[in-house]
């Protein structure tokens, strides 16, 4: 959802536009991967929303949380079906049983590699 953004300098306006464009691009990549993983028509770009809406993707990613436990492990809250679909679209294992910080970092690197982030 859009909301007023108070930027005045050309540099800040350009930075805000870039951030919005990158976010939209990432969203479309996720939607495209989901649609392909669900067997959608890869040649018909007009149906990318049939895989999962932007709102569902945003909610699934926002709900993915982990809480620290003694001993360096983390408790990952229940993973929603939508998040499982997103992870599956990128061929990422979605069963987390008390992961360590190292395992969470490995997950982040896997996601970065699958999405092209940091390349």
PDB file of N, CA and C in Angstrom:
ATOM      1  N   UNK A   1       0.845  -1.182   0.000  1.00  0.00           N
ATOM      2  CA  UNK A   1       0.000   0.000   0.000  1.00  0.00           C
ATOM      3  C   UNK A   1       0.883   1.235   0.000  1.00  0.00           C
ATOM      4  N   UNK A   2       0.473   2.230  -0.719  1.00  0.00           N
ATOM      5  CA  UNK A   2       1.245   3.460  -0.806  1.00  0.00           C
ATOM      6  C   UNK A   2       0.906   4.396   0.342  1.00  0.00           C
ATOM      7  N   UNK A   3       1.845   5.166   0.709  1.00  0.00           N
ATOM      8  CA  UNK A   3       1.624   6.173   1.749  1.00  0.00           C
ATOM      9  C   UNK A   3       2.526   7.355   1.438  1.00  0.00           C
ATOM     10  N   UNK A   4       2.206   8.521   1.971  1.00  0.00           N
ATOM     11  CA  UNK A   4       3.041   9.682   1.663  1.00  0.00           C
ATOM     12  C   UNK A   4       4.483   9.464   2.107  1.00  0.00           C
ATOM     13  N   UNK A   5       5.380   9.840   1.253  1.00  0.00           N
ATOM     14  CA  UNK A   5       6.801   9.751   1.556  1.00  0.00           C
ATOM     15  C   UNK A   5       7.354  11.160   1.396  1.00  0.00           C
ATOM     16  N   UNK A   6       8.032  11.617   2.413  1.00  0.00           N
ATOM     17  CA  UNK A   6       8.527  12.983   2.394  1.00  0.00           C
ATOM     18  C   UNK A   6      10.012  12.995   2.063  1.00  0.00           C
ATOM     19  N   UNK A   7      10.294  13.049   0.793  1.00  0.00           N
ATOM     20  CA  UNK A   7      11.669  13.181   0.332  1.00  0.00           C
ATOM     21  C   UNK A   7      11.723  14.424  -0.539  1.00  0.00           C
ATOM     22  N   UNK A   8      12.789  15.189  -0.382  1.00  0.00           N
ATOM     23  CA  UNK A   8      12.850  16.464  -1.094  1.00  0.00           C
ATOM     24  C   UNK A   8      14.004  16.537  -2.082  1.00  0.00           C
ATOM     25  N   UNK A   9      15.133  16.002  -1.702  1.00  0.00           N
ATOM     26  CA  UNK A   9      16.280  16.140  -2.595  1.00  0.00           C
ATOM     27  C   UNK A   9      16.198  15.115  -3.716  1.00  0.00           C
ATOM     28  N   UNK A  10      16.807  15.450  -4.837  1.00  0.00           N
ATOM     29  CA  UNK A  10      16.795  14.531  -5.979  1.00  0.00           C
ATOM     30  C   UNK A  10      17.435  13.192  -5.605  1.00  0.00           C
ATOM     31  N   UNK A  11      18.492  13.245  -4.799  1.00  0.00           N
ATOM     32  CA  UNK A  11      19.165  12.015  -4.381  1.00  0.00           C
ATOM     33  C   UNK A  11      18.230  11.121  -3.571  1.00  0.00           C
ATOM     34  N   UNK A  12      17.457  11.703  -2.663  1.00  0.00           N
ATOM     35  CA  UNK A  12      16.531  10.930  -1.839  1.00  0.00           C
ATOM     36  C   UNK A  12      15.359  10.400  -2.671  1.00  0.00           C
ATOM     37  N   UNK A  13      14.889  11.201  -3.611  1.00  0.00           N
ATOM     38  CA  UNK A  13      13.805  10.754  -4.488  1.00  0.00           C
ATOM     39  C   UNK A  13      14.278   9.566  -5.320  1.00  0.00           C
ATOM     40  N   UNK A  14      15.474   9.675  -5.884  1.00  0.00           N
ATOM     41  CA  UNK A  14      16.019   8.572  -6.683  1.00  0.00           C
ATOM     42  C   UNK A  14      16.230   7.318  -5.840  1.00  0.00           C
ATOM     43  N   UNK A  15      16.712   7.492  -4.614  1.00  0.00           N
ATOM     44  CA  UNK A  15      16.931   6.341  -3.729  1.00  0.00           C
ATOM     45  C   UNK A  15      15.605   5.674  -3.385  1.00  0.00           C
ATOM     46  N   UNK A  16      14.579   6.472  -3.104  1.00  0.00           N
ATOM     47  CA  UNK A  16      13.266   5.913  -2.783  1.00  0.00           C
ATOM     48  C   UNK A  16      12.710   5.146  -3.984  1.00  0.00           C
ATOM     49  N   UNK A  17      12.809   5.720  -5.164  1.00  0.00           N
ATOM     50  CA  UNK A  17      12.341   5.035  -6.372  1.00  0.00           C
ATOM     51  C   UNK A  17      13.082   3.719  -6.570  1.00  0.00           C
ATOM     52  N   UNK A  18      14.407   3.723  -6.369  1.00  0.00           N
ATOM     53  CA  UNK A  18      15.206   2.515  -6.546  1.00  0.00           C
ATOM     54  C   UNK A  18      14.772   1.418  -5.573  1.00  0.00           C
ATOM     55  N   UNK A  19      14.557   1.790  -4.320  1.00  0.00           N
ATOM     56  CA  UNK A  19      14.114   0.817  -3.318  1.00  0.00           C
ATOM     57  C   UNK A  19      12.761   0.215  -3.716  1.00  0.00           C
ATOM     58  N   UNK A  20      11.833   1.054  -4.152  1.00  0.00           N
ATOM     59  CA  UNK A  20      10.519   0.563  -4.577  1.00  0.00           C
ATOM     60  C   UNK A  20      10.646  -0.355  -5.785  1.00  0.00           C
ATOM     61  N   UNK A  21      11.492   0.012  -6.739  1.00  0.00           N
ATOM     62  CA  UNK A  21      11.673  -0.793  -7.944  1.00  0.00           C
ATOM     63  C   UNK A  21      12.298  -2.151  -7.601  1.00  0.00           C
ATOM     64  N   UNK A  22      13.294  -2.155  -6.729  1.00  0.00           N
ATOM     65  CA  UNK A  22      13.928  -3.415  -6.320  1.00  0.00           C
ATOM     66  C   UNK A  22      12.913  -4.311  -5.601  1.00  0.00           C
ATOM     67  N   UNK A  23      12.111  -3.720  -4.712  1.00  0.00           N
ATOM     68  CA  UNK A  23      11.097  -4.504  -3.992  1.00  0.00           C
ATOM     69  C   UNK A  23      10.094  -5.119  -4.966  1.00  0.00           C
ATOM     70  N   UNK A  24       9.637  -4.345  -5.947  1.00  0.00           N
ATOM     71  CA  UNK A  24       8.694  -4.868  -6.934  1.00  0.00           C
ATOM     72  C   UNK A  24       9.333  -5.969  -7.768  1.00  0.00           C
ATOM     73  N   UNK A  25      10.582  -5.773  -8.151  1.00  0.00           N
ATOM     74  CA  UNK A  25      11.287  -6.796  -8.935  1.00  0.00           C
ATOM     75  C   UNK A  25      11.408  -8.096  -8.145  1.00  0.00           C
ATOM     76  N   UNK A  26      11.786  -7.996  -6.866  1.00  0.00           N
ATOM     77  CA  UNK A  26      11.911  -9.193  -6.032  1.00  0.00           C
ATOM     78  C   UNK A  26      10.561  -9.897  -5.889  1.00  0.00           C
ATOM     79  N   UNK A  27       9.506  -9.120  -5.715  1.00  0.00           N
ATOM     80  CA  UNK A  27       8.167  -9.693  -5.597  1.00  0.00           C
ATOM     81  C   UNK A  27       7.792 -10.451  -6.867  1.00  0.00           C
ATOM     82  N   UNK A  28       8.055  -9.863  -8.018  1.00  0.00           N
ATOM     83  CA  UNK A  28       7.715 -10.525  -9.286  1.00  0.00           C
ATOM     84  C   UNK A  28       8.549 -11.787  -9.505  1.00  0.00           C
ATOM     85  N   UNK A  29       9.801 -11.774  -9.069  1.00  0.00           N
ATOM     86  CA  UNK A  29      10.634 -12.985  -9.172  1.00  0.00           C
ATOM     87  C   UNK A  29      10.033 -14.099  -8.321  1.00  0.00           C
ATOM     88  N   UNK A  30       9.640 -13.763  -7.101  1.00  0.00           N
ATOM     89  CA  UNK A  30       9.032 -14.763  -6.216  1.00  0.00           C
ATOM     90  C   UNK A  30       7.742 -15.288  -6.839  1.00  0.00           C
ATOM     91  N   UNK A  31       6.899 -14.383  -7.345  1.00  0.00           N
ATOM     92  CA  UNK A  31       5.643 -14.816  -7.958  1.00  0.00           C
ATOM     93  C   UNK A  31       5.898 -15.710  -9.172  1.00  0.00           C
ATOM     94  N   UNK A  32       6.871 -15.361  -9.979  1.00  0.00           N
ATOM     95  CA  UNK A  32       7.194 -16.149 -11.169  1.00  0.00           C
ATOM     96  C   UNK A  32       7.675 -17.549 -10.778  1.00  0.00           C
ATOM     97  N   UNK A  33       8.554 -17.632  -9.769  1.00  0.00           N
ATOM     98  CA  UNK A  33       9.066 -18.932  -9.314  1.00  0.00           C
ATOM     99  C   UNK A  33       7.930 -19.788  -8.750  1.00  0.00           C
ATOM    100  N   UNK A  34       7.020 -19.172  -8.000  1.00  0.00           N
ATOM    101  CA  UNK A  34       5.890 -19.916  -7.436  1.00  0.00           C
ATOM    102  C   UNK A  34       5.009 -20.449  -8.555  1.00  0.00           C
ATOM    103  N   UNK A  35       4.672 -19.603  -9.505  1.00  0.00           N
ATOM    104  CA  UNK A  35       3.817 -20.023 -10.611  1.00  0.00           C
ATOM    105  C   UNK A  35       4.457 -21.179 -11.371  1.00  0.00           C
ATOM    106  N   UNK A  36       5.756 -21.081 -11.643  1.00  0.00           N
ATOM    107  CA  UNK A  36       6.447 -22.160 -12.350  1.00  0.00           C
ATOM    108  C   UNK A  36       6.452 -23.446 -11.535  1.00  0.00           C
ATOM    109  N   UNK A  37       6.659 -23.330 -10.224  1.00  0.00           N
ATOM    110  CA  UNK A  37       6.707 -24.535  -9.388  1.00  0.00           C
ATOM    111  C   UNK A  37       5.340 -25.196  -9.270  1.00  0.00           C
ATOM    112  N   UNK A  38       4.281 -24.421  -9.445  1.00  0.00           N
ATOM    113  CA  UNK A  38       2.921 -24.971  -9.387  1.00  0.00           C
ATOM    114  C   UNK A  38       2.450 -25.463 -10.749  1.00  0.00           C
ATOM    115  N   UNK A  39       3.338 -25.382 -11.742  1.00  0.00           N
ATOM    116  CA  UNK A  39       3.000 -25.883 -13.066  1.00  0.00           C
ATOM    117  C   UNK A  39       2.295 -24.878 -13.947  1.00  0.00           C
ATOM    118  N   UNK A  40       2.430 -23.590 -13.625  1.00  0.00           N
ATOM    119  CA  UNK A  40       1.795 -22.552 -14.437  1.00  0.00           C
ATOM    120  C   UNK A  40       2.436 -22.449 -15.809  1.00  0.00           C
ATOM    121  N   UNK A  41       1.747 -21.782 -16.719  1.00  0.00           N
ATOM    122  CA  UNK A  41       2.234 -21.605 -18.080  1.00  0.00           C
ATOM    123  C   UNK A  41       3.398 -20.623 -18.072  1.00  0.00           C
ATOM    124  N   UNK A  42       4.589 -21.119 -18.339  1.00  0.00           N
ATOM    125  CA  UNK A  42       5.797 -20.299 -18.292  1.00  0.00           C
ATOM    126  C   UNK A  42       5.841 -19.265 -19.409  1.00  0.00           C
ATOM    127  N   UNK A  43       5.078 -19.481 -20.470  1.00  0.00           N
ATOM    128  CA  UNK A  43       5.117 -18.557 -21.598  1.00  0.00           C
ATOM    129  C   UNK A  43       4.117 -17.427 -21.443  1.00  0.00           C
ATOM    130  N   UNK A  44       3.145 -17.589 -20.570  1.00  0.00           N
ATOM    131  CA  UNK A  44       2.093 -16.591 -20.413  1.00  0.00           C
ATOM    132  C   UNK A  44       2.349 -15.761 -19.163  1.00  0.00           C
ATOM    133  N   UNK A  45       3.006 -14.626 -19.334  1.00  0.00           N
ATOM    134  CA  UNK A  45       3.341 -13.768 -18.198  1.00  0.00           C
ATOM    135  C   UNK A  45       2.125 -13.034 -17.637  1.00  0.00           C
ATOM    136  N   UNK A  46       0.996 -13.105 -18.304  1.00  0.00           N
ATOM    137  CA  UNK A  46      -0.192 -12.406 -17.841  1.00  0.00           C
ATOM    138  C   UNK A  46      -0.862 -13.046 -16.643  1.00  0.00           C
ATOM    139  N   UNK A  47      -0.440 -14.247 -16.260  1.00  0.00           N
ATOM    140  CA  UNK A  47      -1.107 -14.953 -15.159  1.00  0.00           C
ATOM    141  C   UNK A  47      -0.197 -15.156 -13.952  1.00  0.00           C
ATOM    142  N   UNK A  48       0.778 -14.310 -13.756  1.00  0.00           N
ATOM    143  CA  UNK A  48       1.713 -14.496 -12.645  1.00  0.00           C
ATOM    144  C   UNK A  48       1.037 -14.418 -11.291  1.00  0.00           C
ATOM    145  N   UNK A  49      -0.080 -13.684 -11.156  1.00  0.00           N
ATOM    146  CA  UNK A  49      -0.758 -13.562  -9.866  1.00  0.00           C
ATOM    147  C   UNK A  49      -1.487 -14.837  -9.462  1.00  0.00           C
ATOM    148  N   UNK A  50      -1.702 -15.763 -10.400  1.00  0.00           N
ATOM    149  CA  UNK A  50      -2.415 -16.987 -10.076  1.00  0.00           C
ATOM    150  C   UNK A  50      -1.622 -17.874  -9.119  1.00  0.00           C
ATOM    151  N   UNK A  51      -0.307 -17.685  -9.072  1.00  0.00           N
ATOM    152  CA  UNK A  51       0.508 -18.463  -8.154  1.00  0.00           C
ATOM    153  C   UNK A  51       0.292 -18.037  -6.714  1.00  0.00           C
ATOM    154  N   UNK A  52       0.497 -16.754  -6.426  1.00  0.00           N
ATOM    155  CA  UNK A  52       0.285 -16.218  -5.081  1.00  0.00           C
ATOM    156  C   UNK A  52       0.278 -14.694  -5.170  1.00  0.00           C
ATOM    157  N   UNK A  53      -0.650 -14.068  -4.492  1.00  0.00           N
ATOM    158  CA  UNK A  53      -0.737 -12.610  -4.533  1.00  0.00           C
ATOM    159  C   UNK A  53       0.397 -11.970  -3.738  1.00  0.00           C
ATOM    160  N   UNK A  54       0.653 -10.721  -4.043  1.00  0.00           N
ATOM    161  CA  UNK A  54       1.694  -9.966  -3.338  1.00  0.00           C
ATOM    162  C   UNK A  54       1.385  -9.886  -1.843  1.00  0.00           C
ATOM    163  N   UNK A  55       0.135  -9.710  -1.490  1.00  0.00           N
ATOM    164  CA  UNK A  55      -0.256  -9.609  -0.077  1.00  0.00           C
ATOM    165  C   UNK A  55       0.035 -10.908   0.668  1.00  0.00           C
ATOM    166  N   UNK A  56      -0.278 -12.048   0.039  1.00  0.00           N
ATOM    167  CA  UNK A  56       0.001 -13.339   0.682  1.00  0.00           C
ATOM    168  C   UNK A  56       1.504 -13.551   0.851  1.00  0.00           C
ATOM    169  N   UNK A  57       2.286 -13.168  -0.144  1.00  0.00           N
ATOM    170  CA  UNK A  57       3.747 -13.310  -0.042  1.00  0.00           C
ATOM    171  C   UNK A  57       4.269 -12.434   1.084  1.00  0.00           C
ATOM    172  N   UNK A  58       3.823 -11.191   1.139  1.00  0.00           N
ATOM    173  CA  UNK A  58       4.259 -10.266   2.195  1.00  0.00           C
ATOM    174  C   UNK A  58       3.911 -10.820   3.574  1.00  0.00           C
ATOM    175  N   UNK A  59       2.692 -11.300   3.736  1.00  0.00           N
ATOM    176  CA  UNK A  59       2.271 -11.841   5.033  1.00  0.00           C
ATOM    177  C   UNK A  59       3.088 -13.072   5.417  1.00  0.00           C
ATOM    178  N   UNK A  60       3.326 -13.961   4.457  1.00  0.00           N
ATOM    179  CA  UNK A  60       4.092 -15.188   4.744  1.00  0.00           C
ATOM    180  C   UNK A  60       5.508 -14.847   5.176  1.00  0.00           C
ATOM    181  N   UNK A  61       6.140 -13.899   4.500  1.00  0.00           N
ATOM    182  CA  UNK A  61       7.516 -13.528   4.851  1.00  0.00           C
ATOM    183  C   UNK A  61       7.575 -12.780   6.177  1.00  0.00           C
ATOM    184  N   UNK A  62       6.574 -11.939   6.445  1.00  0.00           N
ATOM    185  CA  UNK A  62       6.551 -11.197   7.716  1.00  0.00           C
ATOM    186  C   UNK A  62       6.310 -12.112   8.915  1.00  0.00           C
ATOM    187  N   UNK A  63       5.587 -13.205   8.704  1.00  0.00           N
ATOM    188  CA  UNK A  63       5.263 -14.120   9.803  1.00  0.00           C
ATOM    189  C   UNK A  63       6.379 -15.110  10.106  1.00  0.00           C
ATOM    190  N   UNK A  64       7.409 -15.147   9.280  1.00  0.00           N
ATOM    191  CA  UNK A  64       8.513 -16.095   9.485  1.00  0.00           C
ATOM    192  C   UNK A  64       9.441 -15.533  10.559  1.00  0.00           C
ATOM    193  N   UNK A  65       9.352 -16.092  11.763  1.00  0.00           N
ATOM    194  CA  UNK A  65      10.142 -15.597  12.885  1.00  0.00           C
ATOM    195  C   UNK A  65      10.815 -16.749  13.621  1.00  0.00           C
ATOM    196  N   UNK A  66      11.887 -16.402  14.326  1.00  0.00           N
ATOM    197  CA  UNK A  66      12.602 -17.374  15.154  1.00  0.00           C
ATOM    198  C   UNK A  66      12.990 -16.687  16.458  1.00  0.00           C
ATOM    199  N   UNK A  67      12.926 -17.428  17.545  1.00  0.00           N
ATOM    200  CA  UNK A  67      13.276 -16.899  18.865  1.00  0.00           C
ATOM    201  C   UNK A  67      14.491 -17.639  19.394  1.00  0.00           C
ATOM    202  N   UNK A  68      15.417 -16.877  19.951  1.00  0.00           N
ATOM    203  CA  UNK A  68      16.627 -17.472  20.500  1.00  0.00           C
ATOM    204  C   UNK A  68      16.364 -18.302  21.739  1.00  0.00           C
ATOM    205  N   UNK A  69      17.085 -19.418  21.844  1.00  0.00           N
ATOM    206  CA  UNK A  69      17.006 -20.298  23.008  1.00  0.00           C
ATOM    207  C   UNK A  69      18.403 -20.418  23.618  1.00  0.00           C
ATOM    208  N   UNK A  70      18.500 -20.811  24.866  1.00  0.00           N
ATOM    209  CA  UNK A  70      19.817 -21.040  25.454  1.00  0.00           C
ATOM    210  C   UNK A  70      20.576 -22.114  24.675  1.00  0.00           C
ATOM    211  N   UNK A  71      21.860 -21.973  24.578  1.00  0.00           N
ATOM    212  CA  UNK A  71      22.680 -22.964  23.899  1.00  0.00           C
ATOM    213  C   UNK A  71      22.897 -22.685  22.422  1.00  0.00           C
ATOM    214  N   UNK A  72      22.478 -21.511  21.959  1.00  0.00           N
ATOM    215  CA  UNK A  72      22.738 -21.139  20.576  1.00  0.00           C
ATOM    216  C   UNK A  72      21.765 -21.675  19.548  1.00  0.00           C
ATOM    217  N   UNK A  73      20.646 -22.239  19.992  1.00  0.00           N
ATOM    218  CA  UNK A  73      19.638 -22.736  19.056  1.00  0.00           C
ATOM    219  C   UNK A  73      18.488 -21.742  18.981  1.00  0.00           C
ATOM    220  N   UNK A  74      17.648 -21.936  17.983  1.00  0.00           N
ATOM    221  CA  UNK A  74      16.506 -21.058  17.793  1.00  0.00           C
ATOM    222  C   UNK A  74      15.248 -21.883  17.635  1.00  0.00           C
ATOM    223  N   UNK A  75      14.141 -21.336  18.115  1.00  0.00           N
ATOM    224  CA  UNK A  75      12.842 -21.952  17.921  1.00  0.00           C
ATOM    225  C   UNK A  75      12.167 -21.205  16.783  1.00  0.00           C
ATOM    226  N   UNK A  76      11.923 -21.914  15.680  1.00  0.00           N
ATOM    227  CA  UNK A  76      11.263 -21.313  14.524  1.00  0.00           C
ATOM    228  C   UNK A  76       9.765 -21.514  14.697  1.00  0.00           C
ATOM    229  N   UNK A  77       9.039 -20.381  14.670  1.00  0.00           N
ATOM    230  CA  UNK A  77       7.586 -20.468  14.793  1.00  0.00           C
ATOM    231  C   UNK A  77       7.019 -21.282  13.637  1.00  0.00           C
ATOM    232  N   UNK A  78       5.807 -21.743  13.805  1.00  0.00           N
ATOM    233  CA  UNK A  78       5.180 -22.589  12.784  1.00  0.00           C
ATOM    234  C   UNK A  78       5.248 -21.915  11.417  1.00  0.00           C
ATOM    235  N   UNK A  79       5.636 -22.688  10.430  1.00  0.00           N
ATOM    236  CA  UNK A  79       5.777 -22.175   9.077  1.00  0.00           C
ATOM    237  C   UNK A  79       4.442 -22.344   8.358  1.00  0.00           C
ATOM    238  N   UNK A  80       3.944 -21.246   7.813  1.00  0.00           N
ATOM    239  CA  UNK A  80       2.646 -21.279   7.128  1.00  0.00           C
ATOM    240  C   UNK A  80       2.750 -22.046   5.812  1.00  0.00           C
ATOM    241  N   UNK A  81       1.594 -22.457   5.314  1.00  0.00           N
ATOM    242  CA  UNK A  81       1.561 -23.155   4.029  1.00  0.00           C
ATOM    243  C   UNK A  81       2.079 -22.255   2.906  1.00  0.00           C
ATOM    244  N   UNK A  82       1.763 -20.960   2.985  1.00  0.00           N
ATOM    245  CA  UNK A  82       2.252 -20.035   1.955  1.00  0.00           C
ATOM    246  C   UNK A  82       3.774 -19.941   1.981  1.00  0.00           C
ATOM    247  N   UNK A  83       4.367 -19.893   3.172  1.00  0.00           N
ATOM    248  CA  UNK A  83       5.828 -19.834   3.252  1.00  0.00           C
ATOM    249  C   UNK A  83       6.442 -21.136   2.749  1.00  0.00           C
ATOM    250  N   UNK A  84       5.807 -22.260   3.052  1.00  0.00           N
ATOM    251  CA  UNK A  84       6.286 -23.543   2.527  1.00  0.00           C
ATOM    252  C   UNK A  84       6.264 -23.534   1.002  1.00  0.00           C
ATOM    253  N   UNK A  85       5.227 -22.945   0.421  1.00  0.00           N
ATOM    254  CA  UNK A  85       5.127 -22.844  -1.037  1.00  0.00           C
ATOM    255  C   UNK A  85       6.244 -21.981  -1.600  1.00  0.00           C
ATOM    256  N   UNK A  86       6.527 -20.859  -0.944  1.00  0.00           N
ATOM    257  CA  UNK A  86       7.602 -19.964  -1.394  1.00  0.00           C
ATOM    258  C   UNK A  86       8.940 -20.684  -1.332  1.00  0.00           C
ATOM    259  N   UNK A  87       9.244 -21.308  -0.192  1.00  0.00           N
ATOM    260  CA  UNK A  87      10.515 -22.012  -0.039  1.00  0.00           C
ATOM    261  C   UNK A  87      10.633 -23.157  -1.035  1.00  0.00           C
ATOM    262  N   UNK A  88       9.547 -23.873  -1.240  1.00  0.00           N
ATOM    263  CA  UNK A  88       9.553 -24.988  -2.190  1.00  0.00           C
ATOM    264  C   UNK A  88       9.824 -24.500  -3.610  1.00  0.00           C
ATOM    265  N   UNK A  89       9.297 -23.337  -3.957  1.00  0.00           N
ATOM    266  CA  UNK A  89       9.510 -22.783  -5.303  1.00  0.00           C
ATOM    267  C   UNK A  89      10.988 -22.527  -5.570  1.00  0.00           C
ATOM    268  N   UNK A  90      11.746 -22.271  -4.494  1.00  0.00           N
ATOM    269  CA  UNK A  90      13.187 -22.023  -4.615  1.00  0.00           C
ATOM    270  C   UNK A  90      14.009 -23.256  -4.231  1.00  0.00           C
ATOM    271  N   UNK A  91      13.327 -24.410  -4.104  1.00  0.00           N
ATOM    272  CA  UNK A  91      13.978 -25.669  -3.718  1.00  0.00           C
ATOM    273  C   UNK A  91      14.739 -25.550  -2.405  1.00  0.00           C
ATOM    274  N   UNK A  92      14.097 -24.935  -1.426  1.00  0.00           N
ATOM    275  CA  UNK A  92      14.700 -24.750  -0.112  1.00  0.00           C
ATOM    276  C   UNK A  92      13.931 -25.603   0.890  1.00  0.00           C
ATOM    277  N   UNK A  93      14.660 -26.420   1.644  1.00  0.00           N
ATOM    278  CA  UNK A  93      14.073 -27.290   2.667  1.00  0.00           C
ATOM    279  C   UNK A  93      13.354 -26.429   3.696  1.00  0.00           C
ATOM    280  N   UNK A  94      12.129 -26.811   4.067  1.00  0.00           N
ATOM    281  CA  UNK A  94      11.347 -25.971   4.982  1.00  0.00           C
ATOM    282  C   UNK A  94      11.122 -26.595   6.357  1.00  0.00           C
ATOM    283  N   UNK A  95      11.864 -27.641   6.697  1.00  0.00           N
ATOM    284  CA  UNK A  95      11.707 -28.201   8.040  1.00  0.00           C
ATOM    285  C   UNK A  95      12.875 -27.723   8.902  1.00  0.00           C
ATOM    286  N   UNK A  96      12.554 -26.909   9.885  1.00  0.00           N
ATOM    287  CA  UNK A  96      13.567 -26.355  10.775  1.00  0.00           C
ATOM    288  C   UNK A  96      13.320 -26.880  12.178  1.00  0.00           C
ATOM    289  N   UNK A  97      14.230 -27.693  12.680  1.00  0.00           N
ATOM    290  CA  UNK A  97      14.095 -28.219  14.031  1.00  0.00           C
ATOM    291  C   UNK A  97      15.244 -27.664  14.860  1.00  0.00           C
ATOM    292  N   UNK A  98      14.939 -26.682  15.670  1.00  0.00           N
ATOM    293  CA  UNK A  98      15.918 -26.006  16.522  1.00  0.00           C
ATOM    294  C   UNK A  98      17.231 -25.698  15.782  1.00  0.00           C
ATOM    295  N   UNK A  99      17.170 -24.876  14.751  1.00  0.00           N
ATOM    296  CA  UNK A  99      18.387 -24.558  14.010  1.00  0.00           C
ATOM    297  C   UNK A  99      19.343 -23.710  14.834  1.00  0.00           C
ATOM    298  N   UNK A 100      20.615 -23.785  14.490  1.00  0.00           N
ATOM    299  CA  UNK A 100      21.621 -22.930  15.113  1.00  0.00           C
ATOM    300  C   UNK A 100      21.758 -21.667  14.261  1.00  0.00           C
ATOM    301  N   UNK A 101      22.489 -20.682  14.777  1.00  0.00           N
ATOM    302  CA  UNK A 101      22.724 -19.460  14.016  1.00  0.00           C
ATOM    303  C   UNK A 101      23.434 -19.795  12.703  1.00  0.00           C
ATOM    304  N   UNK A 102      24.369 -20.748  12.750  1.00  0.00           N
ATOM    305  CA  UNK A 102      25.085 -21.164  11.546  1.00  0.00           C
ATOM    306  C   UNK A 102      24.110 -21.710  10.496  1.00  0.00           C
ATOM    307  N   UNK A 103      23.153 -22.530  10.928  1.00  0.00           N
ATOM    308  CA  UNK A 103      22.180 -23.098   9.998  1.00  0.00           C
ATOM    309  C   UNK A 103      21.259 -22.014   9.422  1.00  0.00           C
ATOM    310  N   UNK A 104      20.907 -21.019  10.239  1.00  0.00           N
ATOM    311  CA  UNK A 104      20.086 -19.920   9.738  1.00  0.00           C
ATOM    312  C   UNK A 104      20.873 -19.077   8.728  1.00  0.00           C
ATOM    313  N   UNK A 105      22.176 -18.891   8.974  1.00  0.00           N
ATOM    314  CA  UNK A 105      23.015 -18.167   8.009  1.00  0.00           C
ATOM    315  C   UNK A 105      23.113 -18.956   6.704  1.00  0.00           C
ATOM    316  N   UNK A 106      23.235 -20.282   6.794  1.00  0.00           N
ATOM    317  CA  UNK A 106      23.273 -21.120   5.589  1.00  0.00           C
ATOM    318  C   UNK A 106      21.961 -20.991   4.813  1.00  0.00           C
ATOM    319  N   UNK A 107      20.844 -20.939   5.533  1.00  0.00           N
ATOM    320  CA  UNK A 107      19.549 -20.751   4.892  1.00  0.00           C
ATOM    321  C   UNK A 107      19.520 -19.417   4.153  1.00  0.00           C
ATOM    322  N   UNK A 108      20.002 -18.365   4.801  1.00  0.00           N
ATOM    323  CA  UNK A 108      20.027 -17.052   4.163  1.00  0.00           C
ATOM    324  C   UNK A 108      20.885 -17.075   2.903  1.00  0.00           C
ATOM    325  N   UNK A 109      22.042 -17.713   2.964  1.00  0.00           N
ATOM    326  CA  UNK A 109      22.907 -17.807   1.781  1.00  0.00           C
ATOM    327  C   UNK A 109      22.232 -18.595   0.664  1.00  0.00           C
ATOM    328  N   UNK A 110      21.521 -19.650   1.017  1.00  0.00           N
ATOM    329  CA  UNK A 110      20.784 -20.436   0.027  1.00  0.00           C
ATOM    330  C   UNK A 110      19.720 -19.587  -0.652  1.00  0.00           C
ATOM    331  N   UNK A 111      18.996 -18.812   0.149  1.00  0.00           N
ATOM    332  CA  UNK A 111      17.955 -17.931  -0.400  1.00  0.00           C
ATOM    333  C   UNK A 111      18.588 -16.861  -1.276  1.00  0.00           C
ATOM    334  N   UNK A 112      19.693 -16.269  -0.802  1.00  0.00           N
ATOM    335  CA  UNK A 112      20.381 -15.250  -1.600  1.00  0.00           C
ATOM    336  C   UNK A 112      20.822 -15.816  -2.952  1.00  0.00           C
ATOM    337  N   UNK A 113      21.349 -17.028  -2.931  1.00  0.00           N
ATOM    338  CA  UNK A 113      21.806 -17.663  -4.172  1.00  0.00           C
ATOM    339  C   UNK A 113      20.640 -17.964  -5.098  1.00  0.00           C
ATOM    340  N   UNK A 114      19.533 -18.457  -4.522  1.00  0.00           N
ATOM    341  CA  UNK A 114      18.368 -18.812  -5.339  1.00  0.00           C
ATOM    342  C   UNK A 114      17.716 -17.585  -5.969  1.00  0.00           C
ATOM    343  N   UNK A 115      17.785 -16.457  -5.282  1.00  0.00           N
ATOM    344  CA  UNK A 115      17.119 -15.243  -5.782  1.00  0.00           C
ATOM    345  C   UNK A 115      18.075 -14.324  -6.537  1.00  0.00           C
ATOM    346  N   UNK A 116      19.375 -14.638  -6.491  1.00  0.00           N
ATOM    347  CA  UNK A 116      20.347 -13.783  -7.183  1.00  0.00           C
ATOM    348  C   UNK A 116      20.764 -12.574  -6.366  1.00  0.00           C
ATOM    349  N   UNK A 117      20.363 -12.516  -5.089  1.00  0.00           N
ATOM    350  CA  UNK A 117      20.740 -11.396  -4.233  1.00  0.00           C
ATOM    351  C   UNK A 117      22.222 -11.523  -3.894  1.00  0.00           C
ATOM    352  N   UNK A 118      22.928 -10.428  -3.940  1.00  0.00           N
ATOM    353  CA  UNK A 118      24.332 -10.418  -3.547  1.00  0.00           C
ATOM    354  C   UNK A 118      25.280 -10.916  -4.621  1.00  0.00           C
ATOM    355  N   UNK A 119      24.779 -11.127  -5.832  1.00  0.00           N
ATOM    356  CA  UNK A 119      25.647 -11.560  -6.927  1.00  0.00           C
ATOM    357  C   UNK A 119      26.253 -10.377  -7.631  1.00  0.00           C
TER     358      UNK A 119
END
